[in-house]
Amino acid sequence: MYMCPELLQSLPRCSTVLRRRRLKRFNVQVLRLNRMRRSRRTRKESKDRAMIMVGVKTEMEIKNWKLYMLNKSIIQENEKLRNKALLLHQENQALLSQLQNKFKTSPNNNNNNNNH
């Protein structure tokens, strides 16, 4: 069955119709692949973001813990200093009262000594 070339050219090409179908099918497949790649990429990016957030969270927890411990030691040191200040204040009050008692008795002794 040999056909002449003129007849072949006049008939609609089956190959073009098939080619169009293949192209449509290919385009649909490409679109699906692209969508799948995007979804995989976004899933991977979200996992990466989550890992970064976990890293940031643990970093923040470590910094928070260090600051908490520093704050606790400052509070303890402050309490020690407050106790020392209280003791010094009490000692100062005792010395002041002793000094006042000395001066109260001193003028009377001086007056008595001057009269003789």
N, C-alpha and C. Protein backbone atom coordinates (compact mmCIF):
# COMPACT_ATOMS: atom_id res chain seq x y z
N MET A 1 0.80 -1.18 0.00
CA MET A 1 0.00 0.00 0.00
C MET A 1 0.85 1.25 0.00
N TYR A 2 1.08 1.67 -1.12
CA TYR A 2 1.88 2.86 -1.26
C TYR A 2 0.96 4.01 -1.60
N MET A 3 1.09 5.17 -0.83
CA MET A 3 0.26 6.33 -1.10
C MET A 3 1.14 7.40 -1.71
N CYS A 4 0.51 8.16 -2.51
CA CYS A 4 1.29 9.22 -3.12
C CYS A 4 1.49 10.37 -2.13
N PRO A 5 2.54 11.11 -2.26
CA PRO A 5 2.86 12.18 -1.31
C PRO A 5 1.80 13.27 -1.28
N GLU A 6 1.14 13.56 -2.41
CA GLU A 6 0.11 14.59 -2.41
C GLU A 6 -1.06 14.18 -1.53
N LEU A 7 -1.41 12.94 -1.60
CA LEU A 7 -2.50 12.44 -0.80
C LEU A 7 -2.15 12.49 0.70
N LEU A 8 -0.95 12.16 1.00
CA LEU A 8 -0.50 12.21 2.39
C LEU A 8 -0.54 13.63 2.94
N GLN A 9 -0.19 14.58 2.11
CA GLN A 9 -0.19 15.97 2.57
C GLN A 9 -1.60 16.51 2.74
N SER A 10 -2.53 16.03 1.96
CA SER A 10 -3.89 16.53 2.05
C SER A 10 -4.63 15.97 3.27
N LEU A 11 -4.27 14.79 3.70
CA LEU A 11 -4.92 14.19 4.87
C LEU A 11 -4.42 14.87 6.16
N PRO A 12 -5.29 15.03 7.14
CA PRO A 12 -4.81 15.61 8.40
C PRO A 12 -3.81 14.65 9.04
N ARG A 13 -2.82 15.23 9.55
CA ARG A 13 -1.77 14.38 10.11
C ARG A 13 -2.20 13.83 11.46
N CYS A 14 -2.10 12.56 11.53
CA CYS A 14 -2.42 11.90 12.80
C CYS A 14 -1.33 12.21 13.80
N SER A 15 -0.15 12.35 13.27
CA SER A 15 0.96 12.58 14.17
C SER A 15 0.82 13.92 14.90
N THR A 16 0.23 14.94 14.23
CA THR A 16 0.04 16.23 14.89
C THR A 16 -0.97 16.10 16.01
N VAL A 17 -2.04 15.40 15.77
CA VAL A 17 -3.05 15.21 16.80
C VAL A 17 -2.44 14.45 17.98
N LEU A 18 -1.72 13.42 17.65
CA LEU A 18 -1.06 12.64 18.70
C LEU A 18 -0.02 13.48 19.43
N ARG A 19 0.70 14.29 18.67
CA ARG A 19 1.72 15.15 19.27
C ARG A 19 1.07 16.14 20.23
N ARG A 20 -0.08 16.71 19.82
CA ARG A 20 -0.78 17.64 20.71
C ARG A 20 -1.23 16.95 22.00
N ARG A 21 -1.77 15.75 21.85
CA ARG A 21 -2.19 15.00 23.03
C ARG A 21 -0.99 14.71 23.94
N ARG A 22 0.09 14.29 23.31
CA ARG A 22 1.30 14.03 24.09
C ARG A 22 1.77 15.29 24.80
N LEU A 23 1.73 16.40 24.08
CA LEU A 23 2.16 17.66 24.69
C LEU A 23 1.26 18.03 25.86
N LYS A 24 -0.05 17.87 25.69
CA LYS A 24 -0.97 18.17 26.78
C LYS A 24 -0.69 17.26 27.97
N ARG A 25 -0.53 15.98 27.67
CA ARG A 25 -0.24 15.02 28.73
C ARG A 25 1.08 15.36 29.41
N PHE A 26 2.06 15.72 28.59
CA PHE A 26 3.36 16.10 29.12
C PHE A 26 3.25 17.35 29.99
N ASN A 27 2.50 18.34 29.51
CA ASN A 27 2.31 19.57 30.27
C ASN A 27 1.64 19.28 31.61
N VAL A 28 0.63 18.42 31.59
CA VAL A 28 -0.06 18.06 32.82
C VAL A 28 0.92 17.36 33.77
N GLN A 29 1.73 16.46 33.21
CA GLN A 29 2.71 15.76 34.04
C GLN A 29 3.73 16.74 34.62
N VAL A 30 4.17 17.68 33.79
CA VAL A 30 5.13 18.67 34.25
C VAL A 30 4.52 19.52 35.36
N LEU A 31 3.27 19.92 35.17
CA LEU A 31 2.60 20.70 36.21
C LEU A 31 2.48 19.92 37.51
N ARG A 32 2.12 18.63 37.38
CA ARG A 32 2.03 17.80 38.58
C ARG A 32 3.39 17.67 39.26
N LEU A 33 4.43 17.43 38.46
CA LEU A 33 5.77 17.32 39.02
C LEU A 33 6.19 18.61 39.72
N ASN A 34 5.92 19.72 39.07
CA ASN A 34 6.27 21.01 39.67
C ASN A 34 5.53 21.21 40.99
N ARG A 35 4.25 20.86 41.00
CA ARG A 35 3.47 20.99 42.22
C ARG A 35 4.03 20.09 43.32
N MET A 36 4.38 18.86 42.93
CA MET A 36 4.95 17.94 43.91
C MET A 36 6.28 18.46 44.43
N ARG A 37 7.11 18.98 43.53
CA ARG A 37 8.40 19.53 43.95
C ARG A 37 8.22 20.70 44.91
N ARG A 38 7.26 21.57 44.56
CA ARG A 38 6.99 22.71 45.44
C ARG A 38 6.54 22.25 46.82
N SER A 39 5.63 21.27 46.82
CA SER A 39 5.13 20.80 48.12
C SER A 39 6.24 20.12 48.91
N ARG A 40 7.09 19.36 48.23
CA ARG A 40 8.23 18.75 48.92
C ARG A 40 9.15 19.82 49.46
N ARG A 41 9.40 20.84 48.63
CA ARG A 41 10.29 21.92 49.02
C ARG A 41 9.73 22.66 50.23
N THR A 42 8.42 22.94 50.18
CA THR A 42 7.82 23.66 51.31
C THR A 42 7.81 22.80 52.56
N ARG A 43 7.59 21.48 52.39
CA ARG A 43 7.66 20.59 53.55
C ARG A 43 9.07 20.57 54.12
N LYS A 44 10.05 20.49 53.21
CA LYS A 44 11.44 20.47 53.66
C LYS A 44 11.79 21.81 54.31
N GLU A 45 11.36 22.91 53.70
CA GLU A 45 11.63 24.22 54.27
C GLU A 45 10.96 24.37 55.62
N SER A 46 9.75 23.85 55.73
CA SER A 46 9.06 23.96 57.02
C SER A 46 9.78 23.11 58.07
N LYS A 47 10.30 21.95 57.66
CA LYS A 47 11.09 21.14 58.59
C LYS A 47 12.35 21.89 58.99
N ASP A 48 13.00 22.51 57.99
CA ASP A 48 14.21 23.28 58.28
C ASP A 48 13.88 24.43 59.22
N ARG A 49 12.79 25.12 58.95
CA ARG A 49 12.37 26.22 59.82
C ARG A 49 12.10 25.71 61.23
N ALA A 50 11.44 24.55 61.30
CA ALA A 50 11.15 23.98 62.61
C ALA A 50 12.44 23.63 63.34
N MET A 51 13.42 23.07 62.61
CA MET A 51 14.70 22.75 63.23
C MET A 51 15.40 24.02 63.68
N ILE A 52 15.32 25.06 62.87
CA ILE A 52 15.93 26.33 63.25
C ILE A 52 15.23 26.87 64.49
N MET A 53 13.90 26.78 64.51
CA MET A 53 13.16 27.26 65.66
C MET A 53 13.51 26.45 66.90
N VAL A 54 13.70 25.14 66.73
CA VAL A 54 14.11 24.30 67.86
C VAL A 54 15.48 24.75 68.32
N GLY A 55 16.38 25.00 67.36
CA GLY A 55 17.71 25.48 67.71
C GLY A 55 17.65 26.81 68.43
N VAL A 56 16.82 27.69 67.93
CA VAL A 56 16.66 29.00 68.56
C VAL A 56 16.04 28.83 69.94
N LYS A 57 15.07 27.93 70.03
CA LYS A 57 14.40 27.71 71.31
C LYS A 57 15.40 27.19 72.33
N THR A 58 16.21 26.21 71.94
CA THR A 58 17.19 25.68 72.89
C THR A 58 18.24 26.73 73.22
N GLU A 59 18.63 27.52 72.23
CA GLU A 59 19.57 28.61 72.48
C GLU A 59 18.98 29.59 73.49
N MET A 60 17.71 29.93 73.28
CA MET A 60 17.03 30.86 74.18
C MET A 60 16.89 30.24 75.58
N GLU A 61 16.60 28.94 75.63
CA GLU A 61 16.49 28.29 76.93
C GLU A 61 17.82 28.30 77.66
N ILE A 62 18.92 28.08 76.94
CA ILE A 62 20.24 28.11 77.55
C ILE A 62 20.56 29.51 78.06
N LYS A 63 20.30 30.52 77.23
CA LYS A 63 20.53 31.90 77.66
C LYS A 63 19.66 32.24 78.87
N ASN A 64 18.41 31.80 78.82
CA ASN A 64 17.49 32.06 79.92
C ASN A 64 18.01 31.40 81.20
N TRP A 65 18.50 30.16 81.09
CA TRP A 65 19.02 29.45 82.25
C TRP A 65 20.25 30.17 82.82
N LYS A 66 21.14 30.61 81.95
CA LYS A 66 22.34 31.32 82.40
C LYS A 66 21.95 32.61 83.11
N LEU A 67 21.00 33.34 82.53
CA LEU A 67 20.55 34.58 83.16
C LEU A 67 19.87 34.31 84.49
N TYR A 68 19.11 33.22 84.57
CA TYR A 68 18.45 32.86 85.81
C TYR A 68 19.49 32.57 86.90
N MET A 69 20.52 31.79 86.53
CA MET A 69 21.56 31.46 87.50
C MET A 69 22.33 32.71 87.93
N LEU A 70 22.62 33.59 86.99
CA LEU A 70 23.30 34.84 87.32
C LEU A 70 22.44 35.68 88.26
N ASN A 71 21.17 35.77 87.96
CA ASN A 71 20.23 36.51 88.80
C ASN A 71 20.17 35.92 90.20
N LYS A 72 20.14 34.60 90.27
CA LYS A 72 20.08 33.92 91.56
C LYS A 72 21.34 34.22 92.38
N SER A 73 22.51 34.18 91.75
CA SER A 73 23.75 34.47 92.48
C SER A 73 23.80 35.94 92.91
N ILE A 74 23.29 36.84 92.08
CA ILE A 74 23.23 38.26 92.45
C ILE A 74 22.31 38.45 93.65
N ILE A 75 21.19 37.76 93.66
CA ILE A 75 20.25 37.86 94.78
C ILE A 75 20.90 37.34 96.06
N GLN A 76 21.64 36.22 95.97
CA GLN A 76 22.32 35.69 97.15
C GLN A 76 23.38 36.66 97.66
N GLU A 77 24.15 37.22 96.74
CA GLU A 77 25.17 38.20 97.12
C GLU A 77 24.52 39.44 97.75
N ASN A 78 23.40 39.86 97.18
CA ASN A 78 22.66 41.00 97.72
C ASN A 78 22.19 40.71 99.16
N GLU A 79 21.73 39.49 99.39
CA GLU A 79 21.27 39.11 100.73
C GLU A 79 22.44 39.13 101.71
N LYS A 80 23.60 38.63 101.30
CA LYS A 80 24.78 38.67 102.17
C LYS A 80 25.15 40.11 102.51
N LEU A 81 25.15 40.96 101.49
CA LEU A 81 25.49 42.37 101.71
C LEU A 81 24.47 43.05 102.61
N ARG A 82 23.22 42.70 102.46
CA ARG A 82 22.17 43.28 103.31
C ARG A 82 22.40 42.88 104.77
N ASN A 83 22.76 41.60 104.99
CA ASN A 83 23.04 41.14 106.36
C ASN A 83 24.26 41.87 106.94
N LYS A 84 25.30 42.03 106.13
CA LYS A 84 26.49 42.77 106.59
C LYS A 84 26.13 44.21 106.94
N ALA A 85 25.31 44.83 106.09
CA ALA A 85 24.91 46.21 106.33
C ALA A 85 24.10 46.31 107.62
N LEU A 86 23.24 45.32 107.88
CA LEU A 86 22.46 45.32 109.11
C LEU A 86 23.37 45.20 110.33
N LEU A 87 24.35 44.29 110.25
CA LEU A 87 25.29 44.13 111.37
C LEU A 87 26.10 45.41 111.60
N LEU A 88 26.56 46.03 110.51
CA LEU A 88 27.31 47.28 110.65
C LEU A 88 26.44 48.38 111.24
N HIS A 89 25.19 48.44 110.84
CA HIS A 89 24.28 49.43 111.39
C HIS A 89 24.09 49.22 112.89
N GLN A 90 23.88 47.95 113.29
CA GLN A 90 23.71 47.64 114.72
C GLN A 90 24.97 48.00 115.50
N GLU A 91 26.14 47.67 114.93
CA GLU A 91 27.41 48.01 115.59
C GLU A 91 27.56 49.52 115.71
N ASN A 92 27.20 50.22 114.65
CA ASN A 92 27.27 51.69 114.64
C ASN A 92 26.36 52.28 115.72
N GLN A 93 25.16 51.74 115.84
CA GLN A 93 24.21 52.22 116.86
C GLN A 93 24.76 51.96 118.27
N ALA A 94 25.37 50.80 118.46
CA ALA A 94 25.92 50.47 119.78
C ALA A 94 27.07 51.42 120.12
N LEU A 95 27.96 51.66 119.17
CA LEU A 95 29.08 52.58 119.41
C LEU A 95 28.59 54.00 119.67
N LEU A 96 27.57 54.41 118.91
CA LEU A 96 27.01 55.75 119.09
C LEU A 96 26.41 55.90 120.49
N SER A 97 25.70 54.88 120.93
CA SER A 97 25.10 54.97 122.28
C SER A 97 26.19 54.98 123.35
N GLN A 98 27.27 54.19 123.14
CA GLN A 98 28.38 54.21 124.09
C GLN A 98 29.02 55.60 124.14
N LEU A 99 29.20 56.19 122.98
CA LEU A 99 29.79 57.53 122.89
C LEU A 99 28.89 58.57 123.57
N GLN A 100 27.59 58.45 123.34
CA GLN A 100 26.65 59.39 123.97
C GLN A 100 26.67 59.23 125.49
N ASN A 101 26.75 58.01 125.95
CA ASN A 101 26.81 57.76 127.41
C ASN A 101 28.09 58.36 128.00
N LYS A 102 29.19 58.26 127.26
CA LYS A 102 30.43 58.83 127.73
C LYS A 102 30.33 60.34 127.86
N PHE A 103 29.75 60.99 126.86
CA PHE A 103 29.64 62.44 126.89
C PHE A 103 28.64 62.91 127.94
N LYS A 104 27.64 62.12 128.22
CA LYS A 104 26.67 62.49 129.25
C LYS A 104 27.35 62.50 130.62
N THR A 105 28.17 61.55 130.85
CA THR A 105 28.85 61.48 132.14
C THR A 105 30.06 62.40 132.20
N SER A 106 30.68 62.71 131.07
CA SER A 106 31.87 63.56 131.05
C SER A 106 31.62 64.98 131.54
N PRO A 107 30.62 65.71 131.10
CA PRO A 107 30.44 67.08 131.57
C PRO A 107 30.20 67.14 133.07
N ASN A 108 29.50 66.21 133.62
CA ASN A 108 29.27 66.21 135.07
C ASN A 108 30.59 66.02 135.81
N ASN A 109 31.41 65.14 135.29
CA ASN A 109 32.72 64.91 135.91
C ASN A 109 33.60 66.14 135.77
N ASN A 110 33.54 66.81 134.64
CA ASN A 110 34.34 68.01 134.42
C ASN A 110 33.91 69.13 135.35
N ASN A 111 32.62 69.29 135.54
CA ASN A 111 32.10 70.34 136.44
C ASN A 111 32.52 70.07 137.87
N ASN A 112 32.45 68.85 138.28
CA ASN A 112 32.84 68.48 139.63
C ASN A 112 34.33 68.69 139.84
N ASN A 113 35.13 68.36 138.81
CA ASN A 113 36.58 68.52 138.91
C ASN A 113 36.95 69.99 138.92
N ASN A 114 36.25 70.85 138.18
CA ASN A 114 36.55 72.28 138.10
C ASN A 114 36.19 72.98 139.40
N ASN A 115 35.18 72.56 140.10
CA ASN A 115 34.73 73.18 141.35
C ASN A 115 35.72 72.91 142.47
N HIS A 116 36.48 71.93 142.46
CA HIS A 116 37.40 71.61 143.53
C HIS A 116 38.64 72.31 143.39
